[in-house]
Amino acid sequence: MKYITLIIIILSMGMLSARPNVYPVTTLVEQFGATWCAGCTVASEGLSVIDADTHNGEAIFTRLYTESGDLSNPEIDARFSHYQVFGLPEVIFNGKSRVPGAGTGIADGYFYHHTLKHHRYATSPIMMNTTEFNPNNGAFSGNVIMLDGEVNIIGATIYYYLIEDDVSTEATHVVRSVVSEPFDLSGLNNSYSFNTQFTVSPAWNAAHLWAVAFVQMPNNAIIQSVSTLPLPNYNFRVAMPFDMHIVGPAGGVIYNSQPFWFFNLGMSDNYTVRIEVDSAPNDWYFNYCDEDGICYSGNNDNPLSLGGGESANFHLNLWVGTPGVAYFHYEITSPNLGTYIVPFIYQAEGVEIADPIAVPAALSITGAYPNPFRDSATIEYSSAKAGAFDRLEIFNLKGQKVDSLPLSSTAQGLNTVKWQPQAQLPAGIYLYRLAGNPAQTGRLLRTK
C-alpha cells in the first residue's frame, strides 16, 4: 500500500494566511510567422492541438506576421526585433520558452504540449482583469492588482494586442495592432488601471476583434496575461510556486512541499481530490495536508467545495523510503469540470532518470571557417553524444530561412557540416543555428 495518513504537526502551517499571495498565470503564446513561410502552417497545426486542450483562462494564442502585406505593420515587426526572431516559424511561450522550426514533433503539438506544461501551473504575484472592450472604436481598459506585498515590479512594460480572428482560411488570431506603456507596481492590494485606444481599420471585421493585455519584465518574462475572450463557467486552476519535478532526500524521510493553491475561478462546484501513483517504490506513501495541518490519505476521494472565486491551499506530505523515483498526479474531479490533472515527479537525490522532454543531447556551435567566405564554409559544432539534432538552419538578416542542412551523422565530440549556398544568394551576413536551440547562433559573412 502506498498511502497512509501521516499525522504531522507542522508548526508553520498555523502561520499561513488563507488569502493567496499568488494567482494562476494565463500563458501567452506568440507565434511568429509569415504568409510565405511554409513551415508556419505546420506550426499552426501543432498549436491548434494544444489550443483544443486548453481554455482562454489557461492559454492565449496569438499570431504575428512579418512581410505579409496588410497582415504586417511596423508595430508588429518591432516585436520580431524585440525577441530577435531570426528564423520562421518560431513560437514563444510567456516571453521566455522558444520552440523554433517546423520539424518532427511540431505538427502533432508534441513539443508545444511539453513547453506549455512548464507554464500551465505557474504562479504570478499579480491578477489582471478587463473592464471594457469596444471593437468598433478600439477602447480597451482593465486593471492589474498586486497580491504580494513583498514584490516590487519595476521597469516592466504592459503591452496591448488587438487581434482579429478568421481573417482568412489560413490566418486567425492575427495581431493587428500593438500598443505599450511603462509599468511599475508594488504594495499589497495596490492596483493599476489601464485604458488604451487602438486604431481600428474599417477593413477589419469588428465582430472578430478581441484584445489582450500582458505584463512583460525587462528579461522578457511575461508574468501575467488577460484577454477579452469568454471564460468557461467552470474554471478550475492550480498555482504551483515550485517545480513539480522535485529532487529531494530519501531513506525514510518525510517530505513536505511548499504550499500550493487550488483556485475556483468559475461557478461554485463540489470536487473530489485524490492522488494517483503511476509508479513508485513500494515503501513510499503519498498524502497531502491543508493549511490547518489536517492531512488526508492520498488514495481516498476527499471532498472539496469551493464557491466562485474561492481558493484553498495544500502541501504534499510524502513518506520517502528507499531511493528511487516516483511518478504521481493529483486528480481533481467534478461532474461539471471533468478531471483536472496535476502531475509530479519526486526524484531521490543521487538517482538518475531520463527526462522525456529534455533536449536529447547538448550541442554547441564552436565556429566556422573560412569566415568571411565566398563559395562554401565549414561550420563546426560539438555534441555530448551521437544523434543530437537533425538539422542546422541558415537565415538572412530579414529572418528568412535560406537553407537547412541535415545533421543525420552527428557523432559524439566535434562535428562539421559544409554549407555551399546557392549562387543567387547575395553577399552579406547570414545567421546559422542548431534547430531546436535558438541560443546557439553564429554569423557568417559571404563575399563576392
Protein backbone atom coordinates (compact mmCIF):
# COMPACT_ATOMS: atom_id res chain seq x y z
CA MET A 1 0.00 0.00 0.00
CA LYS A 2 1.32 3.41 -0.94
CA TYR A 3 -0.99 5.53 1.19
CA ILE A 4 -1.16 6.02 4.93
CA THR A 5 -2.29 9.17 6.66
CA LEU A 6 0.69 10.81 8.29
CA ILE A 7 -0.44 12.99 11.19
CA ILE A 8 2.34 15.55 11.29
CA ILE A 9 2.27 18.76 13.31
CA ILE A 10 3.59 21.46 11.01
CA LEU A 11 4.27 24.50 13.15
CA SER A 12 4.49 26.84 10.21
CA MET A 13 1.06 25.85 8.93
CA GLY A 14 -0.70 27.79 11.64
CA MET A 15 1.01 30.92 10.37
CA LEU A 16 -0.27 30.59 6.82
CA SER A 17 -2.83 33.11 5.67
CA ALA A 18 -5.94 31.86 3.95
CA ARG A 19 -5.54 34.64 1.41
CA PRO A 20 -3.33 33.67 -1.53
CA ASN A 21 -0.46 35.96 -2.46
CA VAL A 22 -0.25 34.38 -5.92
CA TYR A 23 -2.58 33.87 -8.87
CA PRO A 24 -2.54 31.34 -11.71
CA VAL A 25 -0.69 32.52 -14.80
CA THR A 26 -2.51 32.74 -18.11
CA THR A 27 0.13 31.71 -20.66
CA LEU A 28 0.60 33.96 -23.68
CA VAL A 29 1.65 32.04 -26.80
CA GLU A 30 3.12 34.23 -29.56
CA GLN A 31 3.58 32.58 -32.95
CA PHE A 32 5.95 34.43 -35.28
CA GLY A 33 5.49 33.73 -38.97
CA ALA A 34 4.68 34.98 -42.46
CA THR A 35 2.29 34.09 -45.25
CA TRP A 36 5.21 32.88 -47.38
CA CYS A 37 6.57 30.64 -44.61
CA ALA A 38 5.68 27.02 -45.47
CA GLY A 39 6.64 25.77 -42.02
CA CYS A 40 4.29 28.26 -40.37
CA THR A 41 1.31 26.17 -41.48
CA VAL A 42 2.83 23.18 -39.70
CA ALA A 43 3.36 25.27 -36.56
CA SER A 44 -0.26 26.43 -36.68
CA GLU A 45 -1.42 22.82 -36.88
CA GLY A 46 0.58 21.91 -33.80
CA LEU A 47 -0.66 24.90 -31.84
CA SER A 48 -4.27 24.09 -32.72
CA VAL A 49 -3.78 20.76 -30.93
CA ILE A 50 -2.91 22.37 -27.60
CA ASP A 51 -5.42 25.17 -28.18
CA ALA A 52 -8.13 22.49 -28.20
CA ASP A 53 -6.82 21.11 -24.88
CA THR A 54 -6.90 24.45 -23.03
CA HIS A 55 -9.35 27.26 -22.45
CA ASN A 56 -8.95 31.03 -22.66
CA GLY A 57 -8.06 31.32 -18.98
CA GLU A 58 -5.17 28.90 -19.33
CA ALA A 59 -3.56 30.00 -22.59
CA ILE A 60 -3.99 32.75 -25.16
CA PHE A 61 -2.84 32.07 -28.73
CA THR A 62 -1.70 34.91 -30.98
CA ARG A 63 -0.01 35.15 -34.39
CA LEU A 64 2.32 37.87 -35.60
CA TYR A 65 3.13 38.18 -39.30
CA THR A 66 6.11 39.88 -40.95
CA GLU A 67 6.45 40.87 -44.62
CA SER A 68 2.90 39.68 -45.21
CA GLY A 69 1.08 42.61 -46.79
CA ASP A 70 -1.77 44.04 -44.75
CA LEU A 71 -1.18 41.43 -42.01
CA SER A 72 2.04 43.24 -41.10
CA ASN A 73 2.97 46.70 -39.86
CA PRO A 74 5.94 48.37 -38.09
CA GLU A 75 4.41 47.78 -34.63
CA ILE A 76 4.36 44.03 -35.27
CA ASP A 77 7.82 44.00 -36.86
CA ALA A 78 9.08 45.65 -33.68
CA ARG A 79 8.03 42.54 -31.74
CA PHE A 80 10.13 40.39 -34.10
CA SER A 81 13.09 42.68 -33.35
CA HIS A 82 12.32 42.69 -29.63
CA TYR A 83 12.73 38.91 -29.46
CA GLN A 84 15.43 38.79 -32.16
CA VAL A 85 13.44 36.29 -34.16
CA PHE A 86 15.77 35.26 -36.98
CA GLY A 87 14.01 32.24 -38.45
CA LEU A 88 10.41 31.33 -39.11
CA PRO A 89 8.35 29.87 -37.66
CA GLU A 90 9.13 30.49 -34.02
CA VAL A 91 6.73 30.13 -31.10
CA ILE A 92 7.43 31.83 -27.77
CA PHE A 93 5.64 30.93 -24.53
CA ASN A 94 5.36 33.68 -21.89
CA GLY A 95 8.23 35.58 -23.47
CA LYS A 96 10.87 33.01 -22.47
CA SER A 97 10.37 29.47 -23.79
CA ARG A 98 11.09 29.23 -27.53
CA VAL A 99 10.17 26.44 -29.92
CA PRO A 100 11.66 27.16 -33.36
CA GLY A 101 11.16 25.41 -36.68
CA ALA A 102 8.61 23.01 -38.09
CA GLY A 103 10.23 19.58 -37.88
CA THR A 104 9.30 16.38 -36.11
CA GLY A 105 7.11 16.89 -33.05
CA ILE A 106 5.62 20.19 -34.25
CA ALA A 107 2.56 19.30 -36.36
CA ASP A 108 1.21 16.94 -33.68
CA GLY A 109 1.83 19.51 -30.93
CA TYR A 110 4.31 17.33 -29.02
CA PHE A 111 6.94 20.00 -28.29
CA TYR A 112 4.31 22.69 -27.77
CA HIS A 113 2.46 20.50 -25.27
CA HIS A 114 5.57 19.86 -23.17
CA THR A 115 6.61 23.51 -23.32
CA LEU A 116 3.17 24.64 -22.18
CA LYS A 117 3.33 22.15 -19.30
CA HIS A 118 6.17 24.15 -17.75
CA HIS A 119 3.92 27.24 -17.63
CA ARG A 120 0.47 25.74 -17.08
CA TYR A 121 0.64 25.68 -13.27
CA ALA A 122 2.88 28.73 -12.79
CA THR A 123 2.16 31.49 -10.28
CA SER A 124 2.09 35.25 -10.62
CA PRO A 125 2.14 37.97 -7.94
CA ILE A 126 -0.44 39.95 -9.94
CA MET A 127 -4.00 39.43 -11.12
CA MET A 128 -5.33 41.10 -14.29
CA ASN A 129 -8.92 41.86 -15.27
CA THR A 130 -10.57 43.54 -18.24
CA THR A 131 -13.38 46.01 -17.71
CA GLU A 132 -14.22 47.27 -21.21
CA PHE A 133 -13.52 46.45 -24.83
CA ASN A 134 -15.27 48.15 -27.73
CA PRO A 135 -14.28 46.53 -31.04
CA ASN A 136 -15.86 49.37 -33.00
CA ASN A 137 -13.73 52.19 -31.61
CA GLY A 138 -10.84 50.19 -30.09
CA ALA A 139 -11.35 51.28 -26.46
CA PHE A 140 -9.75 48.76 -24.06
CA SER A 141 -9.48 49.04 -20.29
CA GLY A 142 -8.85 46.92 -17.22
CA ASN A 143 -6.77 46.70 -14.08
CA VAL A 144 -3.80 44.97 -12.51
CA ILE A 145 -3.80 44.11 -8.78
CA MET A 146 -0.72 43.33 -6.68
CA LEU A 147 -1.26 40.29 -4.46
CA ASP A 148 2.19 40.02 -2.84
CA GLY A 149 3.32 42.89 -0.64
CA GLU A 150 6.96 41.80 -0.89
CA VAL A 151 7.13 42.03 -4.69
CA ASN A 152 8.17 45.20 -6.50
CA ILE A 153 7.66 45.30 -10.27
CA ILE A 154 9.98 47.94 -11.68
CA GLY A 155 10.87 48.75 -15.28
CA ALA A 156 8.29 46.40 -16.80
CA THR A 157 6.10 47.08 -19.84
CA ILE A 158 2.41 46.46 -20.27
CA TYR A 159 1.54 45.52 -23.84
CA TYR A 160 -1.83 45.55 -25.55
CA TYR A 161 -2.63 43.47 -28.63
CA LEU A 162 -5.64 43.98 -30.87
CA ILE A 163 -6.39 40.64 -32.52
CA GLU A 164 -8.65 39.57 -35.37
CA ASP A 165 -9.90 36.02 -35.84
CA ASP A 166 -10.71 34.32 -39.14
CA VAL A 167 -9.02 36.85 -41.40
CA SER A 168 -8.73 34.08 -43.98
CA THR A 169 -8.82 30.28 -44.04
CA GLU A 170 -5.11 30.28 -43.14
CA ALA A 171 -4.86 33.32 -40.86
CA THR A 172 -6.56 33.60 -37.48
CA HIS A 173 -5.66 35.08 -34.08
CA VAL A 174 -3.83 37.74 -36.12
CA VAL A 175 -2.25 40.58 -34.14
CA ARG A 176 -3.41 43.75 -35.87
CA SER A 177 -2.08 46.44 -33.56
CA VAL A 178 0.41 46.71 -30.69
CA VAL A 179 0.37 49.43 -28.02
CA SER A 180 2.63 49.58 -24.96
CA GLU A 181 3.44 51.71 -21.93
CA PRO A 182 5.87 51.51 -18.97
CA PHE A 183 4.60 49.60 -15.96
CA ASP A 184 5.59 49.62 -12.28
CA LEU A 185 3.58 48.23 -9.38
CA SER A 186 4.25 47.43 -5.73
CA GLY A 187 2.39 47.35 -2.44
CA LEU A 188 -0.17 44.78 -1.32
CA ASN A 189 -3.60 45.34 -2.94
CA ASN A 190 -2.37 48.33 -4.91
CA SER A 191 -3.78 48.42 -8.42
CA TYR A 192 -3.04 49.91 -11.80
CA SER A 193 -5.87 50.84 -14.14
CA PHE A 194 -5.06 50.68 -17.83
CA ASN A 195 -7.01 52.47 -20.51
CA THR A 196 -5.78 52.35 -24.07
CA GLN A 197 -7.15 53.05 -27.52
CA PHE A 198 -6.47 51.02 -30.65
CA THR A 199 -6.93 52.49 -34.10
CA VAL A 200 -9.41 50.17 -35.82
CA SER A 201 -9.25 49.87 -39.60
CA PRO A 202 -12.61 49.80 -41.44
CA ALA A 203 -11.22 46.79 -43.34
CA TRP A 204 -11.21 44.68 -40.19
CA ASN A 205 -14.24 42.68 -39.08
CA ALA A 206 -15.25 44.22 -35.75
CA ALA A 207 -17.24 41.11 -34.83
CA HIS A 208 -13.98 39.10 -34.94
CA LEU A 209 -11.84 41.50 -32.89
CA TRP A 210 -10.65 40.89 -29.34
CA ALA A 211 -7.83 42.22 -27.15
CA VAL A 212 -5.01 41.04 -24.89
CA ALA A 213 -3.06 42.83 -22.16
CA PHE A 214 0.10 41.38 -20.64
CA VAL A 215 2.94 42.46 -18.35
CA GLN A 216 6.45 41.78 -19.65
CA MET A 217 9.51 42.13 -17.43
CA PRO A 218 12.87 43.56 -18.59
CA ASN A 219 14.19 39.99 -19.02
CA ASN A 220 11.22 39.28 -21.39
CA ALA A 221 9.37 37.04 -18.93
CA ILE A 222 5.62 37.60 -19.21
CA ILE A 223 4.28 37.31 -15.68
CA GLN A 224 0.54 37.63 -16.40
CA SER A 225 -1.88 37.97 -19.31
CA VAL A 226 -5.58 38.56 -19.75
CA SER A 227 -7.87 38.66 -22.77
CA THR A 228 -11.39 39.76 -23.59
CA LEU A 229 -12.28 36.24 -24.73
CA PRO A 230 -15.02 34.46 -22.75
CA LEU A 231 -14.05 32.11 -19.93
CA PRO A 232 -15.77 28.79 -19.15
CA ASN A 233 -18.45 28.69 -16.47
CA TYR A 234 -16.46 26.04 -14.59
CA ASN A 235 -12.86 27.16 -14.41
CA PHE A 236 -10.52 25.30 -12.06
CA ARG A 237 -6.82 26.25 -11.89
CA VAL A 238 -3.79 25.29 -9.83
CA ALA A 239 -1.00 27.70 -8.91
CA MET A 240 2.22 25.88 -8.09
CA PRO A 241 5.07 28.09 -6.72
CA PHE A 242 7.68 25.33 -7.05
CA ASP A 243 9.00 22.93 -9.67
CA MET A 244 6.77 19.86 -9.92
CA HIS A 245 9.87 17.80 -10.68
CA ILE A 246 11.11 17.54 -7.10
CA VAL A 247 14.59 16.36 -6.18
CA GLY A 248 14.88 15.53 -2.50
CA PRO A 249 16.19 13.16 0.16
CA ALA A 250 15.22 9.51 0.59
CA GLY A 251 15.83 6.75 3.09
CA GLY A 252 12.85 7.04 5.43
CA VAL A 253 12.18 10.78 5.49
CA ILE A 254 9.05 12.93 5.45
CA TYR A 255 8.87 15.43 2.63
CA ASN A 256 6.58 18.44 3.00
CA SER A 257 6.36 20.68 -0.03
CA GLN A 258 5.74 24.38 -0.15
CA PRO A 259 2.04 25.28 -0.15
CA PHE A 260 0.24 25.39 -3.48
CA TRP A 261 -3.19 26.70 -4.34
CA PHE A 262 -6.40 25.35 -5.87
CA PHE A 263 -8.49 28.14 -7.43
CA ASN A 264 -12.12 28.02 -8.48
CA LEU A 265 -12.33 30.89 -10.96
CA GLY A 266 -15.79 29.92 -12.20
CA MET A 267 -19.10 28.94 -10.67
CA SER A 268 -19.38 27.15 -7.31
CA ASP A 269 -18.51 23.49 -7.56
CA ASN A 270 -18.02 20.34 -5.47
CA TYR A 271 -14.88 18.34 -6.19
CA THR A 272 -13.23 15.13 -5.12
CA VAL A 273 -9.45 15.15 -4.74
CA ARG A 274 -7.13 12.16 -4.75
CA ILE A 275 -3.53 11.25 -5.56
CA GLU A 276 -2.91 8.57 -8.16
CA VAL A 277 0.50 6.89 -8.13
CA ASP A 278 1.71 5.95 -11.59
CA SER A 279 4.91 4.26 -10.40
CA ALA A 280 6.94 4.40 -7.19
CA PRO A 281 8.95 2.24 -4.79
CA ASN A 282 6.73 0.04 -2.63
CA ASP A 283 7.70 1.69 0.65
CA TRP A 284 6.71 5.24 -0.35
CA TYR A 285 3.44 6.81 0.87
CA PHE A 286 1.56 9.71 -0.74
CA ASN A 287 -0.64 12.11 1.21
CA TYR A 288 -1.32 15.82 1.45
CA CYS A 289 -2.28 18.36 4.12
CA ASP A 290 -4.31 21.55 4.17
CA GLU A 291 -3.31 24.90 5.61
CA ASP A 292 -4.61 23.95 9.05
CA GLY A 293 -2.28 20.94 9.22
CA ILE A 294 -5.04 18.38 8.66
CA CYS A 295 -3.66 15.58 6.48
CA TYR A 296 -5.53 13.39 4.02
CA SER A 297 -4.84 9.93 2.70
CA GLY A 298 -3.97 10.32 -0.94
CA ASN A 299 -5.86 7.28 -2.23
CA ASN A 300 -9.23 8.46 -0.89
CA ASP A 301 -11.71 10.58 -2.81
CA ASN A 302 -11.55 13.54 -0.45
CA PRO A 303 -14.33 16.14 -0.85
CA LEU A 304 -13.59 19.80 -1.56
CA SER A 305 -16.20 22.52 -2.09
CA LEU A 306 -15.23 25.94 -3.44
CA GLY A 307 -17.51 28.85 -4.20
CA GLY A 308 -16.91 31.09 -7.19
CA GLY A 309 -13.64 32.97 -6.69
CA GLU A 310 -12.63 30.88 -3.66
CA SER A 311 -9.31 29.10 -3.20
CA ALA A 312 -7.70 26.55 -0.90
CA ASN A 313 -4.07 25.68 -0.33
CA PHE A 314 -2.36 22.38 0.41
CA HIS A 315 1.10 20.86 0.58
CA LEU A 316 2.42 17.42 -0.28
CA ASN A 317 3.08 15.15 2.67
CA LEU A 318 5.17 12.20 1.44
CA TRP A 319 6.95 9.36 3.17
CA VAL A 320 10.04 8.70 1.04
CA GLY A 321 11.52 5.26 1.67
CA THR A 322 14.23 3.54 -0.36
CA PRO A 323 15.95 5.70 -3.01
CA GLY A 324 14.07 5.77 -6.29
CA VAL A 325 11.76 7.84 -8.46
CA ALA A 326 8.01 8.33 -8.10
CA TYR A 327 5.60 9.49 -10.77
CA PHE A 328 2.24 10.56 -9.37
CA HIS A 329 -0.53 13.06 -10.01
CA TYR A 330 -3.47 14.80 -8.44
CA GLU A 331 -6.91 14.14 -9.86
CA ILE A 332 -9.46 16.88 -9.10
CA THR A 333 -12.88 15.78 -10.37
CA SER A 334 -16.42 17.13 -10.53
CA PRO A 335 -19.39 16.40 -12.82
CA ASN A 336 -19.08 19.92 -14.22
CA LEU A 337 -15.29 20.07 -14.57
CA GLY A 338 -14.45 16.51 -15.54
CA THR A 339 -11.00 15.58 -14.26
CA TYR A 340 -8.17 18.08 -13.85
CA ILE A 341 -4.68 16.51 -13.68
CA VAL A 342 -1.64 17.93 -11.86
CA PRO A 343 1.48 15.78 -12.47
CA PHE A 344 4.51 15.40 -10.17
CA ILE A 345 7.85 13.63 -10.17
CA TYR A 346 9.81 13.01 -6.97
CA GLN A 347 13.39 12.02 -7.71
CA ALA A 348 15.54 10.88 -4.82
CA GLU A 349 18.90 12.61 -4.63
CA GLY A 350 21.60 10.64 -6.44
CA VAL A 351 19.12 8.68 -8.58
CA GLU A 352 19.42 9.30 -12.33
CA ILE A 353 16.40 9.37 -14.64
CA ALA A 354 15.88 10.24 -18.26
CA ASP A 355 13.82 13.40 -18.75
CA PRO A 356 11.39 12.56 -21.56
CA ILE A 357 11.07 16.20 -22.59
CA ALA A 358 14.71 17.20 -22.32
CA VAL A 359 16.78 18.00 -25.38
CA PRO A 360 18.28 14.66 -26.45
CA ALA A 361 21.83 15.91 -26.07
CA ALA A 362 23.69 19.17 -25.52
CA LEU A 363 25.16 20.74 -28.65
CA SER A 364 27.22 23.86 -29.00
CA ILE A 365 28.48 25.78 -32.00
CA THR A 366 32.25 26.08 -31.92
CA GLY A 367 32.89 28.19 -35.04
CA ALA A 368 33.01 28.34 -38.82
CA TYR A 369 35.78 28.68 -41.40
CA PRO A 370 36.70 30.40 -43.57
CA ASN A 371 34.81 33.41 -42.32
CA PRO A 372 34.41 35.58 -44.39
CA PHE A 373 33.89 33.06 -47.21
CA ARG A 374 32.88 33.13 -50.85
CA ASP A 375 31.87 29.72 -52.20
CA SER A 376 31.48 27.50 -49.12
CA ALA A 377 32.01 27.47 -45.37
CA THR A 378 32.53 24.68 -42.86
CA ILE A 379 30.58 25.01 -39.62
CA GLU A 380 31.82 23.23 -36.52
CA TYR A 381 29.60 22.04 -33.68
CA SER A 382 30.19 19.84 -30.67
CA SER A 383 27.85 17.15 -29.35
CA ALA A 384 27.78 15.43 -25.97
CA LYS A 385 26.59 12.25 -27.65
CA ALA A 386 25.56 10.89 -31.03
CA GLY A 387 22.27 11.75 -32.73
CA ALA A 388 21.57 15.05 -31.01
CA PHE A 389 19.88 17.32 -33.55
CA ASP A 390 18.55 16.78 -37.04
CA ARG A 391 19.47 19.97 -38.90
CA LEU A 392 21.30 23.27 -38.96
CA GLU A 393 19.37 26.25 -40.33
CA ILE A 394 20.67 29.30 -42.22
CA PHE A 395 18.86 32.66 -42.19
CA ASN A 396 19.39 36.04 -43.80
CA LEU A 397 19.15 39.22 -41.75
CA LYS A 398 15.45 39.55 -42.60
CA GLY A 399 14.84 36.35 -40.66
CA GLN A 400 14.09 34.33 -43.82
CA LYS A 401 15.39 30.78 -43.79
CA VAL A 402 17.55 30.31 -46.88
CA ASP A 403 18.85 26.79 -46.28
CA SER A 404 18.61 23.78 -43.98
CA LEU A 405 21.47 21.31 -43.55
CA PRO A 406 20.73 17.80 -42.24
CA LEU A 407 22.88 16.57 -39.33
CA SER A 408 21.94 12.91 -39.53
CA SER A 409 25.51 11.70 -38.98
CA THR A 410 26.15 13.62 -35.75
CA ALA A 411 28.72 11.85 -33.59
CA GLN A 412 29.92 12.42 -30.06
CA GLY A 413 32.51 15.18 -29.93
CA LEU A 414 33.45 17.61 -32.70
CA ASN A 415 31.39 17.55 -35.92
CA THR A 416 31.44 19.60 -39.11
CA VAL A 417 28.94 20.37 -41.82
CA LYS A 418 29.64 22.25 -45.04
CA TRP A 419 27.40 24.98 -46.36
CA GLN A 420 27.58 25.75 -50.04
CA PRO A 421 24.99 28.48 -50.66
CA GLN A 422 23.10 28.82 -53.89
CA ALA A 423 24.74 31.12 -56.38
CA GLN A 424 21.84 33.57 -56.39
CA LEU A 425 22.17 34.31 -52.67
CA PRO A 426 23.72 37.77 -52.35
CA ALA A 427 26.82 38.72 -50.41
CA GLY A 428 26.15 39.72 -46.82
CA ILE A 429 25.73 38.45 -43.29
CA TYR A 430 23.97 35.14 -42.65
CA LEU A 431 22.96 33.59 -39.35
CA TYR A 432 23.22 29.88 -38.63
CA ARG A 433 21.83 27.97 -35.70
CA LEU A 434 21.07 24.48 -34.47
CA ALA A 435 17.39 23.66 -34.89
CA GLY A 436 15.64 23.48 -31.54
CA ASN A 437 18.35 25.51 -29.81
CA PRO A 438 17.93 29.22 -30.57
CA ALA A 439 20.61 30.18 -28.05
CA GLN A 440 23.22 28.55 -30.27
CA THR A 441 23.53 31.05 -33.14
CA GLY A 442 26.54 32.12 -35.20
CA ARG A 443 27.27 34.56 -38.02
CA LEU A 444 28.84 34.11 -41.43
CA LEU A 445 29.90 36.80 -43.89
CA ARG A 446 29.67 35.93 -47.57
CA THR A 447 31.74 37.93 -50.02
CA LYS A 448 31.69 38.10 -53.81
